[in-house]
Amino acid sequence: MPQLTNTGYPGRARRDRRRRGGSVLEMAMLMPWYVFLFVGAFDWGYYAHALISTEAAARTAALYTSTSATTAVDQTTACLYALNELKISSNVPSTSTCNADPIVVTAIKVTSGADGQAAASVTVSYHTVSLIPIPLLLDKQFWIVQTVQMKLRS
């Protein structure tokens, strides 16, 4: 009479042990893909946040510069508004000058469109931090540039 295991079936314990080994092997083979997906989602989230923050910084600075003809070229205060929007970013120091890496802000007075009215134009350039690159999709670092034009209100 064959030896019975706890389950009452001969040889079942041996088969269960082989299945457990197969699961470990599957997990070991799929783990690099899981890590790659996690890192990719993390990077895309960071870059999306940087894009939205840069856009908000340009819009806020343009709102200020569009108040009058004298503020249209006030890069110093436009820089303060942009820095306030980008202060949550990890590589933007609170003492940044807005004319060097990682953030550059320019404010100029332009003539807008076919109507020929004066407008304020603000460009915010932000250099992202170095994260894990995704081959063929994202480099380690790149510049995000947003330009906003608004007609002068006075």
Foldseek 3Di string as FASTA:
>chain_A
DDDADPVRDPPPVVVVVVVVVVVVVVCVVCVVVVVVVVQVVVVVVVVVVVQVLQQQLQVQLQVQCQADPVSQFVQQVSVVSSCVSCVVAPPRDPPDRQVDPAKHKGKDWDQDDPVRAIKIKIKIKGKHAADDADPPPGDRIDIRIDMDIDGRPD
